[in-house]
């Protein structure tokens, strides 16, 4: 998992679980 995928996954998790 790179920097870009990591950042995207973080945003997705925030939108889904947040």
C-alpha atoms as a PDB file:
ATOM      1  CA  UNK A   1       0.000   0.000   0.000  1.00  0.00           C
ATOM      2  CA  UNK A   2       1.610   3.267  -1.119  1.00  0.00           C
ATOM      3  CA  UNK A   3       1.103   6.852  -0.062  1.00  0.00           C
ATOM      4  CA  UNK A   4      -1.690   7.577  -2.536  1.00  0.00           C
ATOM      5  CA  UNK A   5      -3.707   4.364  -1.870  1.00  0.00           C
ATOM      6  CA  UNK A   6      -3.133   4.880   1.852  1.00  0.00           C
ATOM      7  CA  UNK A   7      -4.549   8.398   1.749  1.00  0.00           C
ATOM      8  CA  UNK A   8      -7.504   7.338  -0.396  1.00  0.00           C
ATOM      9  CA  UNK A   9      -8.282   4.375   1.871  1.00  0.00           C
ATOM     10  CA  UNK A  10      -8.148   6.721   4.868  1.00  0.00           C
ATOM     11  CA  UNK A  11     -10.709   9.056   3.309  1.00  0.00           C
ATOM     12  CA  UNK A  12     -12.948   6.138   2.303  1.00  0.00           C
ATOM     13  CA  UNK A  13     -12.828   4.687   5.819  1.00  0.00           C
ATOM     14  CA  UNK A  14     -13.681   8.116   7.237  1.00  0.00           C
ATOM     15  CA  UNK A  15     -16.638   8.427   4.886  1.00  0.00           C
ATOM     16  CA  UNK A  16     -17.836   4.881   5.555  1.00  0.00           C
ATOM     17  CA  UNK A  17     -17.139   4.350   9.247  1.00  0.00           C
ATOM     18  CA  UNK A  18     -16.996   8.030  10.131  1.00  0.00           C
END
